[in-house]
């Protein structure tokens, strides 16, 4: 009697689809502004058991990582980290475009709870790249401070407030943000020499 080889691809596809449903439930909860969602609520929203949620995402860190990966695949990732200091203004303009082009998902990340952890993790590469470019020119401490100022300046809340509260257009916001960051760079560079 010959045995058939077990086809594991179907099981893997079902597992991936289940994980996707769970992540989509987490993102939907973030978009609603929920501070945190219990595992029981995630299980119910995605139509799976508690055990299944824990098998795919055993802790908060795994859930945050999964949301970040999901967002990275689906969200316009046109924002390239700057490769040199001269590219920082283009990075600023691209970040403004990114926020407007992906506003729904960006707003979902603006809430506290799980969204806050996601937001922090997604900002870290920007902070690291800017720090790496600025520290050799300005010194470690000043480069770290300026990188943090630039990332804080590019907060989605500030950019969307400029449009929603103050009636500025996308182009006005981009121009203003680039000028603001250019001014910061120029001022710090002058002070360090």
C-alpha atoms as a PDB file:
ATOM      1  CA  UNK A   1       0.000   0.000   0.000  1.00  0.00           C
ATOM      2  CA  UNK A   2       1.408   3.363  -0.955  1.00  0.00           C
ATOM      3  CA  UNK A   3       0.780   6.417   1.144  1.00  0.00           C
ATOM      4  CA  UNK A   4      -0.116   9.748  -0.281  1.00  0.00           C
ATOM      5  CA  UNK A   5       2.115  12.661   0.480  1.00  0.00           C
ATOM      6  CA  UNK A   6       0.301  15.109   2.697  1.00  0.00           C
ATOM      7  CA  UNK A   7      -0.255  18.461   0.991  1.00  0.00           C
ATOM      8  CA  UNK A   8       0.546  21.047   3.632  1.00  0.00           C
ATOM      9  CA  UNK A   9      -0.009  24.019   1.300  1.00  0.00           C
ATOM     10  CA  UNK A  10      -3.738  24.086   1.981  1.00  0.00           C
ATOM     11  CA  UNK A  11      -3.227  24.143   5.715  1.00  0.00           C
ATOM     12  CA  UNK A  12      -0.629  26.940   5.366  1.00  0.00           C
ATOM     13  CA  UNK A  13      -2.986  28.948   3.151  1.00  0.00           C
ATOM     14  CA  UNK A  14      -5.827  28.592   5.691  1.00  0.00           C
ATOM     15  CA  UNK A  15      -3.480  29.579   8.501  1.00  0.00           C
ATOM     16  CA  UNK A  16      -2.323  32.670   6.593  1.00  0.00           C
ATOM     17  CA  UNK A  17      -5.929  33.639   5.839  1.00  0.00           C
ATOM     18  CA  UNK A  18      -6.832  33.247   9.522  1.00  0.00           C
ATOM     19  CA  UNK A  19      -3.889  35.407  10.608  1.00  0.00           C
ATOM     20  CA  UNK A  20      -4.939  38.004   8.035  1.00  0.00           C
ATOM     21  CA  UNK A  21      -8.496  38.121   9.451  1.00  0.00           C
ATOM     22  CA  UNK A  22      -7.124  38.604  12.967  1.00  0.00           C
ATOM     23  CA  UNK A  23      -4.820  41.439  11.868  1.00  0.00           C
ATOM     24  CA  UNK A  24      -7.659  43.082   9.949  1.00  0.00           C
ATOM     25  CA  UNK A  25      -9.772  42.946  13.135  1.00  0.00           C
ATOM     26  CA  UNK A  26      -6.932  44.652  15.058  1.00  0.00           C
ATOM     27  CA  UNK A  27      -6.575  47.367  12.413  1.00  0.00           C
ATOM     28  CA  UNK A  28     -10.353  47.902  12.343  1.00  0.00           C
ATOM     29  CA  UNK A  29     -10.343  48.348  16.129  1.00  0.00           C
ATOM     30  CA  UNK A  30      -7.506  50.876  15.806  1.00  0.00           C
ATOM     31  CA  UNK A  31      -9.443  52.762  13.132  1.00  0.00           C
ATOM     32  CA  UNK A  32     -12.399  52.991  15.522  1.00  0.00           C
ATOM     33  CA  UNK A  33     -10.115  54.661  18.062  1.00  0.00           C
ATOM     34  CA  UNK A  34     -10.298  51.835  20.580  1.00  0.00           C
ATOM     35  CA  UNK A  35      -7.467  52.077  23.106  1.00  0.00           C
ATOM     36  CA  UNK A  36      -7.071  48.366  23.375  1.00  0.00           C
ATOM     37  CA  UNK A  37      -8.945  45.315  22.269  1.00  0.00           C
ATOM     38  CA  UNK A  38      -9.147  42.136  24.283  1.00  0.00           C
ATOM     39  CA  UNK A  39      -8.107  38.866  22.741  1.00  0.00           C
ATOM     40  CA  UNK A  40     -11.686  37.656  23.191  1.00  0.00           C
ATOM     41  CA  UNK A  41     -12.941  40.614  21.127  1.00  0.00           C
ATOM     42  CA  UNK A  42     -10.329  39.919  18.432  1.00  0.00           C
ATOM     43  CA  UNK A  43     -11.366  36.276  18.317  1.00  0.00           C
ATOM     44  CA  UNK A  44     -15.040  37.182  17.981  1.00  0.00           C
ATOM     45  CA  UNK A  45     -14.393  39.866  15.346  1.00  0.00           C
ATOM     46  CA  UNK A  46     -12.284  37.520  13.235  1.00  0.00           C
ATOM     47  CA  UNK A  47     -14.452  34.417  13.744  1.00  0.00           C
ATOM     48  CA  UNK A  48     -11.816  32.282  15.461  1.00  0.00           C
ATOM     49  CA  UNK A  49     -11.173  30.882  18.919  1.00  0.00           C
ATOM     50  CA  UNK A  50      -9.079  32.510  21.643  1.00  0.00           C
ATOM     51  CA  UNK A  51      -6.549  29.736  21.231  1.00  0.00           C
ATOM     52  CA  UNK A  52      -6.211  30.500  17.523  1.00  0.00           C
ATOM     53  CA  UNK A  53      -5.508  34.174  18.231  1.00  0.00           C
ATOM     54  CA  UNK A  54      -2.824  33.202  20.759  1.00  0.00           C
ATOM     55  CA  UNK A  55      -1.315  30.649  18.354  1.00  0.00           C
ATOM     56  CA  UNK A  56      -0.838  33.342  15.716  1.00  0.00           C
ATOM     57  CA  UNK A  57      -0.079  36.267  18.034  1.00  0.00           C
ATOM     58  CA  UNK A  58       1.007  35.089  21.494  1.00  0.00           C
ATOM     59  CA  UNK A  59       1.582  38.565  22.969  1.00  0.00           C
ATOM     60  CA  UNK A  60       1.245  42.292  22.384  1.00  0.00           C
ATOM     61  CA  UNK A  61       4.676  42.508  20.725  1.00  0.00           C
ATOM     62  CA  UNK A  62       3.621  39.907  18.150  1.00  0.00           C
ATOM     63  CA  UNK A  63       0.383  41.807  17.496  1.00  0.00           C
ATOM     64  CA  UNK A  64       2.241  45.113  17.050  1.00  0.00           C
ATOM     65  CA  UNK A  65       4.753  43.488  14.682  1.00  0.00           C
ATOM     66  CA  UNK A  66       1.931  41.915  12.647  1.00  0.00           C
ATOM     67  CA  UNK A  67       0.099  45.234  12.326  1.00  0.00           C
ATOM     68  CA  UNK A  68       3.321  46.955  11.248  1.00  0.00           C
ATOM     69  CA  UNK A  69       3.942  44.305   8.619  1.00  0.00           C
ATOM     70  CA  UNK A  70       0.331  44.503   7.413  1.00  0.00           C
ATOM     71  CA  UNK A  71       0.564  48.289   7.136  1.00  0.00           C
ATOM     72  CA  UNK A  72       3.914  48.146   5.350  1.00  0.00           C
ATOM     73  CA  UNK A  73       2.517  45.827   2.692  1.00  0.00           C
ATOM     74  CA  UNK A  74      -0.698  47.788   2.103  1.00  0.00           C
ATOM     75  CA  UNK A  75       0.248  51.396   2.683  1.00  0.00           C
ATOM     76  CA  UNK A  76       2.027  53.475   0.088  1.00  0.00           C
ATOM     77  CA  UNK A  77       5.642  53.127   1.132  1.00  0.00           C
ATOM     78  CA  UNK A  78       6.942  55.875  -1.133  1.00  0.00           C
ATOM     79  CA  UNK A  79       8.630  57.605   1.804  1.00  0.00           C
ATOM     80  CA  UNK A  80      12.244  56.723   1.400  1.00  0.00           C
ATOM     81  CA  UNK A  81      14.529  57.384   4.319  1.00  0.00           C
ATOM     82  CA  UNK A  82      17.089  60.059   3.466  1.00  0.00           C
ATOM     83  CA  UNK A  83      20.514  58.764   2.447  1.00  0.00           C
ATOM     84  CA  UNK A  84      22.276  62.057   3.121  1.00  0.00           C
ATOM     85  CA  UNK A  85      21.532  65.391   4.789  1.00  0.00           C
ATOM     86  CA  UNK A  86      20.715  67.043   1.457  1.00  0.00           C
ATOM     87  CA  UNK A  87      17.848  64.536   0.992  1.00  0.00           C
ATOM     88  CA  UNK A  88      16.120  65.482   4.267  1.00  0.00           C
ATOM     89  CA  UNK A  89      13.833  68.121   2.617  1.00  0.00           C
ATOM     90  CA  UNK A  90      12.640  65.511   0.077  1.00  0.00           C
ATOM     91  CA  UNK A  91      12.029  63.108   2.961  1.00  0.00           C
ATOM     92  CA  UNK A  92       9.906  65.768   4.688  1.00  0.00           C
ATOM     93  CA  UNK A  93       7.832  66.412   1.540  1.00  0.00           C
ATOM     94  CA  UNK A  94       7.380  62.663   0.958  1.00  0.00           C
ATOM     95  CA  UNK A  95       6.230  62.205   4.544  1.00  0.00           C
ATOM     96  CA  UNK A  96       3.523  64.860   4.103  1.00  0.00           C
ATOM     97  CA  UNK A  97       2.367  63.155   0.890  1.00  0.00           C
ATOM     98  CA  UNK A  98       2.382  59.772   2.649  1.00  0.00           C
ATOM     99  CA  UNK A  99       0.128  61.107   5.419  1.00  0.00           C
ATOM    100  CA  UNK A 100      -2.396  62.511   2.957  1.00  0.00           C
ATOM    101  CA  UNK A 101      -2.288  59.479   0.638  1.00  0.00           C
ATOM    102  CA  UNK A 102      -2.888  57.056   3.521  1.00  0.00           C
ATOM    103  CA  UNK A 103      -5.003  59.204   5.821  1.00  0.00           C
ATOM    104  CA  UNK A 104      -7.409  56.511   7.034  1.00  0.00           C
ATOM    105  CA  UNK A 105      -4.653  54.169   8.140  1.00  0.00           C
ATOM    106  CA  UNK A 106      -2.572  57.037   9.513  1.00  0.00           C
ATOM    107  CA  UNK A 107      -5.530  58.230  11.599  1.00  0.00           C
ATOM    108  CA  UNK A 108      -5.980  54.679  12.895  1.00  0.00           C
ATOM    109  CA  UNK A 109      -2.446  54.860  14.285  1.00  0.00           C
ATOM    110  CA  UNK A 110      -3.097  58.162  16.077  1.00  0.00           C
ATOM    111  CA  UNK A 111      -5.094  56.588  18.896  1.00  0.00           C
ATOM    112  CA  UNK A 112      -3.706  55.398  22.240  1.00  0.00           C
ATOM    113  CA  UNK A 113      -3.263  51.768  23.241  1.00  0.00           C
ATOM    114  CA  UNK A 114      -2.100  49.253  20.638  1.00  0.00           C
ATOM    115  CA  UNK A 115      -2.030  51.993  17.987  1.00  0.00           C
ATOM    116  CA  UNK A 116       0.462  53.942  20.070  1.00  0.00           C
ATOM    117  CA  UNK A 117       2.829  50.967  20.195  1.00  0.00           C
ATOM    118  CA  UNK A 118       2.485  50.550  16.425  1.00  0.00           C
ATOM    119  CA  UNK A 119       3.179  54.250  15.843  1.00  0.00           C
ATOM    120  CA  UNK A 120       6.305  54.195  18.008  1.00  0.00           C
ATOM    121  CA  UNK A 121       7.681  51.166  16.172  1.00  0.00           C
ATOM    122  CA  UNK A 122       6.940  52.698  12.751  1.00  0.00           C
ATOM    123  CA  UNK A 123       8.720  55.990  13.626  1.00  0.00           C
ATOM    124  CA  UNK A 124      11.933  54.338  14.851  1.00  0.00           C
ATOM    125  CA  UNK A 125      13.538  53.806  11.401  1.00  0.00           C
ATOM    126  CA  UNK A 126      13.009  57.507  10.624  1.00  0.00           C
ATOM    127  CA  UNK A 127      14.611  58.536  13.880  1.00  0.00           C
ATOM    128  CA  UNK A 128      17.541  56.160  13.383  1.00  0.00           C
ATOM    129  CA  UNK A 129      18.171  57.304   9.793  1.00  0.00           C
ATOM    130  CA  UNK A 130      18.077  60.992  10.679  1.00  0.00           C
ATOM    131  CA  UNK A 131      20.261  60.477  13.737  1.00  0.00           C
ATOM    132  CA  UNK A 132      22.795  58.601  11.606  1.00  0.00           C
ATOM    133  CA  UNK A 133      22.959  61.483   9.120  1.00  0.00           C
ATOM    134  CA  UNK A 134      23.045  64.320  11.616  1.00  0.00           C
ATOM    135  CA  UNK A 135      25.267  62.965  14.403  1.00  0.00           C
ATOM    136  CA  UNK A 136      28.510  62.929  12.353  1.00  0.00           C
ATOM    137  CA  UNK A 137      27.939  66.577  11.380  1.00  0.00           C
ATOM    138  CA  UNK A 138      26.661  67.901  14.702  1.00  0.00           C
ATOM    139  CA  UNK A 139      27.860  65.490  17.366  1.00  0.00           C
ATOM    140  CA  UNK A 140      25.955  62.602  18.885  1.00  0.00           C
ATOM    141  CA  UNK A 141      23.808  64.553  21.344  1.00  0.00           C
ATOM    142  CA  UNK A 142      22.906  67.424  19.002  1.00  0.00           C
ATOM    143  CA  UNK A 143      22.230  64.979  16.135  1.00  0.00           C
ATOM    144  CA  UNK A 144      19.947  62.950  18.385  1.00  0.00           C
ATOM    145  CA  UNK A 145      18.042  66.054  19.515  1.00  0.00           C
ATOM    146  CA  UNK A 146      17.610  67.417  15.988  1.00  0.00           C
ATOM    147  CA  UNK A 147      16.480  64.027  14.643  1.00  0.00           C
ATOM    148  CA  UNK A 148      13.842  63.856  17.387  1.00  0.00           C
ATOM    149  CA  UNK A 149      12.704  67.409  16.598  1.00  0.00           C
ATOM    150  CA  UNK A 150      12.289  66.608  12.896  1.00  0.00           C
ATOM    151  CA  UNK A 151      10.343  63.403  13.555  1.00  0.00           C
ATOM    152  CA  UNK A 152       8.149  65.212  16.107  1.00  0.00           C
ATOM    153  CA  UNK A 153       7.545  68.044  13.617  1.00  0.00           C
ATOM    154  CA  UNK A 154       6.300  65.521  11.059  1.00  0.00           C
ATOM    155  CA  UNK A 155       3.583  64.147  13.326  1.00  0.00           C
ATOM    156  CA  UNK A 156       0.428  63.236  11.458  1.00  0.00           C
ATOM    157  CA  UNK A 157      -1.717  65.125  13.979  1.00  0.00           C
ATOM    158  CA  UNK A 158       0.125  68.375  13.244  1.00  0.00           C
ATOM    159  CA  UNK A 159      -0.015  67.932   9.488  1.00  0.00           C
ATOM    160  CA  UNK A 160      -3.711  67.038   9.452  1.00  0.00           C
ATOM    161  CA  UNK A 161      -4.490  69.896  11.873  1.00  0.00           C
ATOM    162  CA  UNK A 162      -2.865  72.337   9.470  1.00  0.00           C
ATOM    163  CA  UNK A 163      -5.402  71.243   6.859  1.00  0.00           C
ATOM    164  CA  UNK A 164      -8.449  70.574   9.030  1.00  0.00           C
ATOM    165  CA  UNK A 165      -8.221  73.488  11.475  1.00  0.00           C
ATOM    166  CA  UNK A 166      -6.143  76.082   9.652  1.00  0.00           C
ATOM    167  CA  UNK A 167      -7.322  75.428   6.094  1.00  0.00           C
ATOM    168  CA  UNK A 168      -3.895  74.991   4.528  1.00  0.00           C
ATOM    169  CA  UNK A 169      -3.570  73.051   1.289  1.00  0.00           C
ATOM    170  CA  UNK A 170      -1.380  70.011   0.890  1.00  0.00           C
ATOM    171  CA  UNK A 171       1.190  72.047  -1.059  1.00  0.00           C
ATOM    172  CA  UNK A 172       1.211  74.829   1.551  1.00  0.00           C
ATOM    173  CA  UNK A 173       1.795  72.266   4.270  1.00  0.00           C
ATOM    174  CA  UNK A 174       4.613  70.581   2.342  1.00  0.00           C
ATOM    175  CA  UNK A 175       6.298  73.900   1.640  1.00  0.00           C
ATOM    176  CA  UNK A 176       5.906  75.031   5.247  1.00  0.00           C
ATOM    177  CA  UNK A 177       7.221  71.770   6.697  1.00  0.00           C
ATOM    178  CA  UNK A 178      10.226  71.759   4.362  1.00  0.00           C
ATOM    179  CA  UNK A 179      10.995  75.390   5.275  1.00  0.00           C
ATOM    180  CA  UNK A 180      10.617  74.615   8.979  1.00  0.00           C
ATOM    181  CA  UNK A 181      12.996  71.655   8.828  1.00  0.00           C
ATOM    182  CA  UNK A 182      15.451  73.589   6.615  1.00  0.00           C
ATOM    183  CA  UNK A 183      15.415  76.368   9.205  1.00  0.00           C
ATOM    184  CA  UNK A 184      16.088  73.902  12.015  1.00  0.00           C
ATOM    185  CA  UNK A 185      18.959  72.336  10.095  1.00  0.00           C
ATOM    186  CA  UNK A 186      20.482  75.704   9.212  1.00  0.00           C
ATOM    187  CA  UNK A 187      20.164  77.070  12.735  1.00  0.00           C
ATOM    188  CA  UNK A 188      21.696  74.028  14.387  1.00  0.00           C
ATOM    189  CA  UNK A 189      24.473  73.794  11.802  1.00  0.00           C
ATOM    190  CA  UNK A 190      25.375  77.484  12.340  1.00  0.00           C
ATOM    191  CA  UNK A 191      25.331  77.079  16.119  1.00  0.00           C
ATOM    192  CA  UNK A 192      27.607  74.029  15.983  1.00  0.00           C
ATOM    193  CA  UNK A 193      30.327  75.820  13.998  1.00  0.00           C
END
